[in-house]
């Protein structure tokens, strides 16, 4: 099991309310956790803010069925932000269809709630 530290976000935990009371689940995806997993756990050759890094990420996303073609108004966003949003969409889809994995696995428990990055 890989151990990572996820800093608690007090305002977010407070918003969720008492862990013993019924509440909504909150799931978090993070591109820095997603991209290496999509790449088979291997580091990418380039950082995301350079052309080579953007091309690597676009190809990894394409291999997962996320094709960035007609991006509409998002075309004005910085490219690395657009790629992060696409990776988050990939994670959200995996969560929705029950295919997501967590990092760490099992999730850490903070303030009585399981906390992890999902991909």
N, C-alpha and C. Protein backbone atom coordinates (compact mmCIF):
# COMPACT_ATOMS: atom_id res chain seq x y z
N UNK A 1 0.85 -1.18 0.00
CA UNK A 1 0.00 0.00 0.00
C UNK A 1 0.89 1.24 0.00
N UNK A 2 0.64 2.12 -0.93
CA UNK A 2 1.39 3.37 -1.03
C UNK A 2 0.81 4.37 -0.05
N UNK A 3 1.67 4.98 0.76
CA UNK A 3 1.24 5.96 1.76
C UNK A 3 1.50 7.36 1.22
N UNK A 4 0.46 8.18 1.16
CA UNK A 4 0.63 9.58 0.81
C UNK A 4 -0.05 10.40 1.88
N UNK A 5 0.39 11.61 2.03
CA UNK A 5 -0.25 12.51 2.98
C UNK A 5 -1.17 13.44 2.23
N UNK A 6 -2.42 13.44 2.60
CA UNK A 6 -3.40 14.36 2.02
C UNK A 6 -3.71 15.39 3.08
N UNK A 7 -3.32 16.63 2.85
CA UNK A 7 -3.59 17.65 3.87
C UNK A 7 -5.08 17.85 4.06
N UNK A 8 -5.54 17.90 5.32
CA UNK A 8 -6.96 18.14 5.53
C UNK A 8 -7.33 19.56 5.12
N UNK A 9 -8.51 19.71 4.63
CA UNK A 9 -9.02 21.01 4.27
C UNK A 9 -10.15 21.29 5.25
N UNK A 10 -9.85 22.01 6.35
CA UNK A 10 -10.83 22.18 7.42
C UNK A 10 -12.19 22.68 6.95
N UNK A 11 -12.20 23.66 6.07
CA UNK A 11 -13.47 24.20 5.62
C UNK A 11 -14.29 23.15 4.88
N UNK A 12 -13.62 22.32 4.11
CA UNK A 12 -14.30 21.28 3.35
C UNK A 12 -14.85 20.21 4.29
N UNK A 13 -14.04 19.79 5.23
CA UNK A 13 -14.47 18.78 6.19
C UNK A 13 -15.64 19.31 7.01
N UNK A 14 -15.57 20.59 7.41
CA UNK A 14 -16.66 21.19 8.17
C UNK A 14 -17.95 21.24 7.34
N UNK A 15 -17.82 21.52 6.05
CA UNK A 15 -18.98 21.58 5.17
C UNK A 15 -19.69 20.23 5.10
N UNK A 16 -18.94 19.14 5.17
CA UNK A 16 -19.54 17.81 5.11
C UNK A 16 -20.34 17.47 6.36
N UNK A 17 -20.07 18.16 7.45
CA UNK A 17 -20.84 17.93 8.67
C UNK A 17 -20.30 16.80 9.52
N UNK A 18 -21.07 16.40 10.50
CA UNK A 18 -20.72 15.36 11.45
C UNK A 18 -20.56 14.03 10.73
N UNK A 19 -19.39 13.36 10.88
CA UNK A 19 -19.20 12.08 10.20
C UNK A 19 -20.23 11.02 10.59
N UNK A 20 -20.84 11.14 11.77
CA UNK A 20 -21.84 10.17 12.19
C UNK A 20 -23.22 10.41 11.61
N UNK A 21 -23.44 11.59 11.06
CA UNK A 21 -24.76 11.93 10.50
C UNK A 21 -24.79 11.60 9.01
N UNK A 22 -25.96 11.30 8.47
CA UNK A 22 -26.06 11.07 7.02
C UNK A 22 -25.59 12.32 6.28
N UNK A 23 -24.83 12.12 5.24
CA UNK A 23 -24.33 13.25 4.46
C UNK A 23 -23.97 12.79 3.06
N UNK A 24 -23.57 13.74 2.25
CA UNK A 24 -23.13 13.43 0.90
C UNK A 24 -21.69 12.95 0.94
N UNK A 25 -21.37 12.08 0.00
CA UNK A 25 -19.98 11.68 -0.18
C UNK A 25 -19.29 12.74 -1.01
N UNK A 26 -18.04 12.96 -0.76
CA UNK A 26 -17.25 13.88 -1.57
C UNK A 26 -16.05 13.10 -2.10
N UNK A 27 -15.90 13.07 -3.40
CA UNK A 27 -14.80 12.34 -4.02
C UNK A 27 -13.91 13.35 -4.72
N UNK A 28 -12.61 13.13 -4.61
CA UNK A 28 -11.66 14.08 -5.17
C UNK A 28 -10.77 13.37 -6.17
N UNK A 29 -10.66 13.94 -7.33
CA UNK A 29 -9.69 13.49 -8.32
C UNK A 29 -8.61 14.54 -8.42
N UNK A 30 -7.40 14.14 -8.73
CA UNK A 30 -6.31 15.10 -8.85
C UNK A 30 -5.45 14.71 -10.05
N UNK A 31 -5.29 15.63 -11.01
CA UNK A 31 -4.51 15.30 -12.21
C UNK A 31 -3.13 14.75 -11.90
N UNK A 32 -2.47 15.26 -10.87
CA UNK A 32 -1.13 14.75 -10.59
C UNK A 32 -1.17 13.30 -10.13
N UNK A 33 -2.32 12.85 -9.62
CA UNK A 33 -2.48 11.45 -9.28
C UNK A 33 -2.97 10.63 -10.45
N UNK A 34 -3.76 11.25 -11.33
CA UNK A 34 -4.35 10.56 -12.46
C UNK A 34 -3.33 10.26 -13.55
N UNK A 35 -2.61 11.28 -13.99
CA UNK A 35 -1.76 11.14 -15.17
C UNK A 35 -0.73 10.02 -15.03
N UNK A 36 0.01 9.92 -13.92
CA UNK A 36 0.96 8.81 -13.82
C UNK A 36 0.27 7.45 -13.86
N UNK A 37 -0.94 7.34 -13.30
CA UNK A 37 -1.66 6.06 -13.31
C UNK A 37 -2.07 5.68 -14.73
N UNK A 38 -2.50 6.67 -15.51
CA UNK A 38 -2.87 6.42 -16.90
C UNK A 38 -1.63 6.00 -17.69
N UNK A 39 -0.48 6.43 -17.25
CA UNK A 39 0.79 6.14 -17.94
C UNK A 39 1.44 4.89 -17.36
N UNK A 40 0.68 4.05 -16.72
CA UNK A 40 1.21 2.80 -16.19
C UNK A 40 2.12 2.98 -14.99
N UNK A 41 1.94 4.09 -14.26
CA UNK A 41 2.76 4.34 -13.09
C UNK A 41 4.13 4.92 -13.39
N UNK A 42 4.43 5.09 -14.67
CA UNK A 42 5.73 5.64 -15.06
C UNK A 42 5.67 7.16 -15.13
N UNK A 43 6.76 7.83 -14.78
CA UNK A 43 6.76 9.30 -14.90
C UNK A 43 6.74 9.72 -16.37
N UNK A 44 6.15 10.86 -16.63
CA UNK A 44 6.18 11.40 -17.98
C UNK A 44 7.53 12.05 -18.24
N UNK A 45 7.86 12.20 -19.50
CA UNK A 45 9.18 12.78 -19.84
C UNK A 45 9.23 14.29 -19.67
N UNK A 46 8.08 14.94 -19.84
CA UNK A 46 8.08 16.40 -19.82
C UNK A 46 7.05 16.92 -18.82
N UNK A 47 7.32 18.10 -18.26
CA UNK A 47 6.34 18.70 -17.35
C UNK A 47 5.17 19.24 -18.17
N UNK A 48 4.03 19.39 -17.51
CA UNK A 48 2.80 19.68 -18.25
C UNK A 48 2.75 21.07 -18.89
N UNK A 49 3.57 22.00 -18.45
CA UNK A 49 3.48 23.36 -18.97
C UNK A 49 4.34 23.60 -20.21
N UNK A 50 4.97 22.55 -20.73
CA UNK A 50 5.75 22.70 -21.96
C UNK A 50 5.08 21.88 -23.06
N UNK A 51 5.39 22.21 -24.29
CA UNK A 51 4.74 21.55 -25.43
C UNK A 51 4.82 20.03 -25.38
N UNK A 52 6.00 19.49 -25.09
CA UNK A 52 6.14 18.04 -25.03
C UNK A 52 5.26 17.41 -23.97
N UNK A 53 5.13 18.08 -22.84
CA UNK A 53 4.27 17.56 -21.77
C UNK A 53 2.82 17.60 -22.15
N UNK A 54 2.41 18.68 -22.82
CA UNK A 54 1.02 18.79 -23.28
C UNK A 54 0.72 17.67 -24.28
N UNK A 55 1.64 17.45 -25.23
CA UNK A 55 1.41 16.39 -26.22
C UNK A 55 1.35 15.01 -25.57
N UNK A 56 2.23 14.75 -24.60
CA UNK A 56 2.17 13.47 -23.88
C UNK A 56 0.81 13.27 -23.23
N UNK A 57 0.33 14.30 -22.57
CA UNK A 57 -0.95 14.20 -21.85
C UNK A 57 -2.13 14.06 -22.81
N UNK A 58 -2.10 14.79 -23.91
CA UNK A 58 -3.17 14.68 -24.91
C UNK A 58 -3.23 13.25 -25.44
N UNK A 59 -2.09 12.64 -25.71
CA UNK A 59 -2.07 11.27 -26.22
C UNK A 59 -2.54 10.28 -25.15
N UNK A 60 -2.14 10.46 -23.91
CA UNK A 60 -2.61 9.57 -22.83
C UNK A 60 -4.12 9.67 -22.67
N UNK A 61 -4.65 10.88 -22.70
CA UNK A 61 -6.10 11.07 -22.59
C UNK A 61 -6.82 10.45 -23.78
N UNK A 62 -6.27 10.63 -24.98
CA UNK A 62 -6.88 10.05 -26.18
C UNK A 62 -6.95 8.53 -26.04
N UNK A 63 -5.91 7.91 -25.51
CA UNK A 63 -5.90 6.46 -25.33
C UNK A 63 -6.97 6.00 -24.35
N UNK A 64 -7.43 6.90 -23.49
CA UNK A 64 -8.50 6.58 -22.53
C UNK A 64 -9.87 7.00 -23.03
N UNK A 65 -9.94 7.48 -24.27
CA UNK A 65 -11.23 7.86 -24.84
C UNK A 65 -11.60 9.32 -24.63
N UNK A 66 -10.70 10.12 -24.09
CA UNK A 66 -10.95 11.55 -23.90
C UNK A 66 -10.27 12.28 -25.07
N UNK A 67 -11.09 12.72 -26.02
CA UNK A 67 -10.55 13.39 -27.21
C UNK A 67 -10.88 14.87 -27.12
N UNK A 68 -9.85 15.68 -27.18
CA UNK A 68 -10.01 17.13 -27.10
C UNK A 68 -10.11 17.68 -28.52
N UNK A 69 -11.31 17.79 -29.03
CA UNK A 69 -11.51 18.27 -30.39
C UNK A 69 -12.15 19.65 -30.34
N UNK A 70 -13.46 19.71 -30.29
CA UNK A 70 -14.18 20.97 -30.24
C UNK A 70 -14.35 21.36 -28.78
N UNK A 71 -13.48 22.23 -28.29
CA UNK A 71 -13.49 22.56 -26.86
C UNK A 71 -14.23 23.85 -26.56
N UNK A 72 -14.80 24.46 -27.58
CA UNK A 72 -15.66 25.64 -27.38
C UNK A 72 -14.98 26.74 -26.59
N UNK A 73 -15.70 27.26 -25.59
CA UNK A 73 -15.20 28.39 -24.80
C UNK A 73 -13.94 28.04 -24.01
N UNK A 74 -13.71 26.75 -23.76
CA UNK A 74 -12.51 26.35 -23.02
C UNK A 74 -11.23 26.64 -23.81
N UNK A 75 -11.38 26.97 -25.09
CA UNK A 75 -10.22 27.27 -25.92
C UNK A 75 -9.43 28.46 -25.39
N UNK A 76 -10.06 29.32 -24.61
CA UNK A 76 -9.38 30.49 -24.07
C UNK A 76 -8.62 30.18 -22.78
N UNK A 77 -8.82 28.98 -22.22
CA UNK A 77 -8.16 28.60 -20.96
C UNK A 77 -6.72 28.19 -21.23
N UNK A 78 -5.84 28.35 -20.25
CA UNK A 78 -4.47 27.86 -20.41
C UNK A 78 -4.49 26.35 -20.70
N UNK A 79 -3.62 25.89 -21.58
CA UNK A 79 -3.62 24.50 -22.02
C UNK A 79 -3.45 23.52 -20.85
N UNK A 80 -2.57 23.84 -19.89
CA UNK A 80 -2.38 22.90 -18.79
C UNK A 80 -3.65 22.79 -17.93
N UNK A 81 -4.41 23.88 -17.81
CA UNK A 81 -5.68 23.82 -17.07
C UNK A 81 -6.70 22.97 -17.82
N UNK A 82 -6.73 23.09 -19.13
CA UNK A 82 -7.64 22.29 -19.95
C UNK A 82 -7.31 20.80 -19.81
N UNK A 83 -6.03 20.47 -19.82
CA UNK A 83 -5.61 19.07 -19.68
C UNK A 83 -5.94 18.55 -18.28
N UNK A 84 -5.77 19.38 -17.26
CA UNK A 84 -6.16 18.98 -15.90
C UNK A 84 -7.66 18.71 -15.83
N UNK A 85 -8.46 19.57 -16.47
CA UNK A 85 -9.91 19.38 -16.46
C UNK A 85 -10.29 18.09 -17.18
N UNK A 86 -9.60 17.78 -18.27
CA UNK A 86 -9.88 16.54 -19.01
C UNK A 86 -9.52 15.32 -18.15
N UNK A 87 -8.41 15.39 -17.43
CA UNK A 87 -8.04 14.29 -16.54
C UNK A 87 -9.05 14.15 -15.41
N UNK A 88 -9.55 15.26 -14.90
CA UNK A 88 -10.58 15.22 -13.86
C UNK A 88 -11.86 14.60 -14.40
N UNK A 89 -12.22 14.91 -15.66
CA UNK A 89 -13.41 14.32 -16.27
C UNK A 89 -13.24 12.81 -16.41
N UNK A 90 -12.06 12.38 -16.77
CA UNK A 90 -11.78 10.94 -16.87
C UNK A 90 -11.98 10.28 -15.51
N UNK A 91 -11.46 10.90 -14.46
CA UNK A 91 -11.64 10.36 -13.10
C UNK A 91 -13.11 10.33 -12.72
N UNK A 92 -13.83 11.41 -13.01
CA UNK A 92 -15.25 11.47 -12.67
C UNK A 92 -16.04 10.36 -13.36
N UNK A 93 -15.70 10.09 -14.60
CA UNK A 93 -16.36 9.00 -15.31
C UNK A 93 -16.07 7.66 -14.65
N UNK A 94 -14.82 7.44 -14.29
CA UNK A 94 -14.46 6.16 -13.64
C UNK A 94 -15.17 6.03 -12.29
N UNK A 95 -15.31 7.12 -11.56
CA UNK A 95 -16.04 7.08 -10.29
C UNK A 95 -17.50 6.72 -10.56
N UNK A 96 -18.10 7.38 -11.56
CA UNK A 96 -19.52 7.18 -11.85
C UNK A 96 -19.85 5.75 -12.27
N UNK A 97 -18.93 5.10 -12.98
CA UNK A 97 -19.21 3.74 -13.46
C UNK A 97 -18.61 2.67 -12.54
N UNK A 98 -18.06 3.10 -11.40
CA UNK A 98 -17.55 2.14 -10.42
C UNK A 98 -16.21 1.53 -10.76
N UNK A 99 -15.40 2.19 -11.60
CA UNK A 99 -14.08 1.67 -11.99
C UNK A 99 -12.92 2.39 -11.30
N UNK A 100 -13.22 3.40 -10.50
CA UNK A 100 -12.16 4.23 -9.91
C UNK A 100 -11.36 3.45 -8.87
N UNK A 101 -10.12 3.82 -8.75
CA UNK A 101 -9.23 3.31 -7.71
C UNK A 101 -8.81 4.49 -6.85
N UNK A 102 -8.36 4.22 -5.63
CA UNK A 102 -7.98 5.31 -4.74
C UNK A 102 -6.49 5.27 -4.44
N UNK A 103 -5.98 6.42 -4.10
CA UNK A 103 -4.60 6.57 -3.67
C UNK A 103 -4.64 7.43 -2.43
N UNK A 104 -4.33 6.93 -1.27
CA UNK A 104 -3.92 5.56 -0.98
C UNK A 104 -5.11 4.60 -1.00
N UNK A 105 -4.79 3.32 -1.04
CA UNK A 105 -5.80 2.29 -1.00
C UNK A 105 -5.48 1.35 0.16
N UNK A 106 -6.28 1.35 1.17
CA UNK A 106 -7.55 2.04 1.35
C UNK A 106 -7.33 3.51 1.70
N UNK A 107 -8.37 4.32 1.55
CA UNK A 107 -8.25 5.75 1.87
C UNK A 107 -7.85 5.98 3.32
N UNK A 108 -7.17 7.10 3.56
CA UNK A 108 -6.88 7.54 4.91
C UNK A 108 -8.17 8.02 5.55
N UNK A 109 -8.20 8.04 6.87
CA UNK A 109 -9.36 8.57 7.58
C UNK A 109 -8.93 9.85 8.29
N UNK A 110 -9.58 10.95 7.94
CA UNK A 110 -9.31 12.25 8.54
C UNK A 110 -10.64 12.79 9.05
N UNK A 111 -10.65 13.23 10.28
CA UNK A 111 -11.88 13.77 10.89
C UNK A 111 -13.04 12.79 10.72
N UNK A 112 -12.74 11.49 10.81
CA UNK A 112 -13.78 10.48 10.75
C UNK A 112 -14.28 10.16 9.35
N UNK A 113 -13.61 10.68 8.33
CA UNK A 113 -14.05 10.45 6.95
C UNK A 113 -12.91 9.86 6.12
N UNK A 114 -13.26 8.95 5.20
CA UNK A 114 -12.23 8.43 4.29
C UNK A 114 -11.81 9.52 3.30
N UNK A 115 -10.50 9.67 3.12
CA UNK A 115 -9.97 10.69 2.24
C UNK A 115 -8.95 10.06 1.31
N UNK A 116 -9.09 10.29 0.01
CA UNK A 116 -8.16 9.74 -0.97
C UNK A 116 -8.28 10.54 -2.26
N UNK A 117 -7.34 10.32 -3.14
CA UNK A 117 -7.41 10.83 -4.50
C UNK A 117 -7.93 9.67 -5.34
N UNK A 118 -8.94 9.92 -6.15
CA UNK A 118 -9.56 8.87 -6.96
C UNK A 118 -9.20 9.05 -8.42
N UNK A 119 -8.93 7.94 -9.07
CA UNK A 119 -8.60 7.96 -10.50
C UNK A 119 -9.17 6.75 -11.19
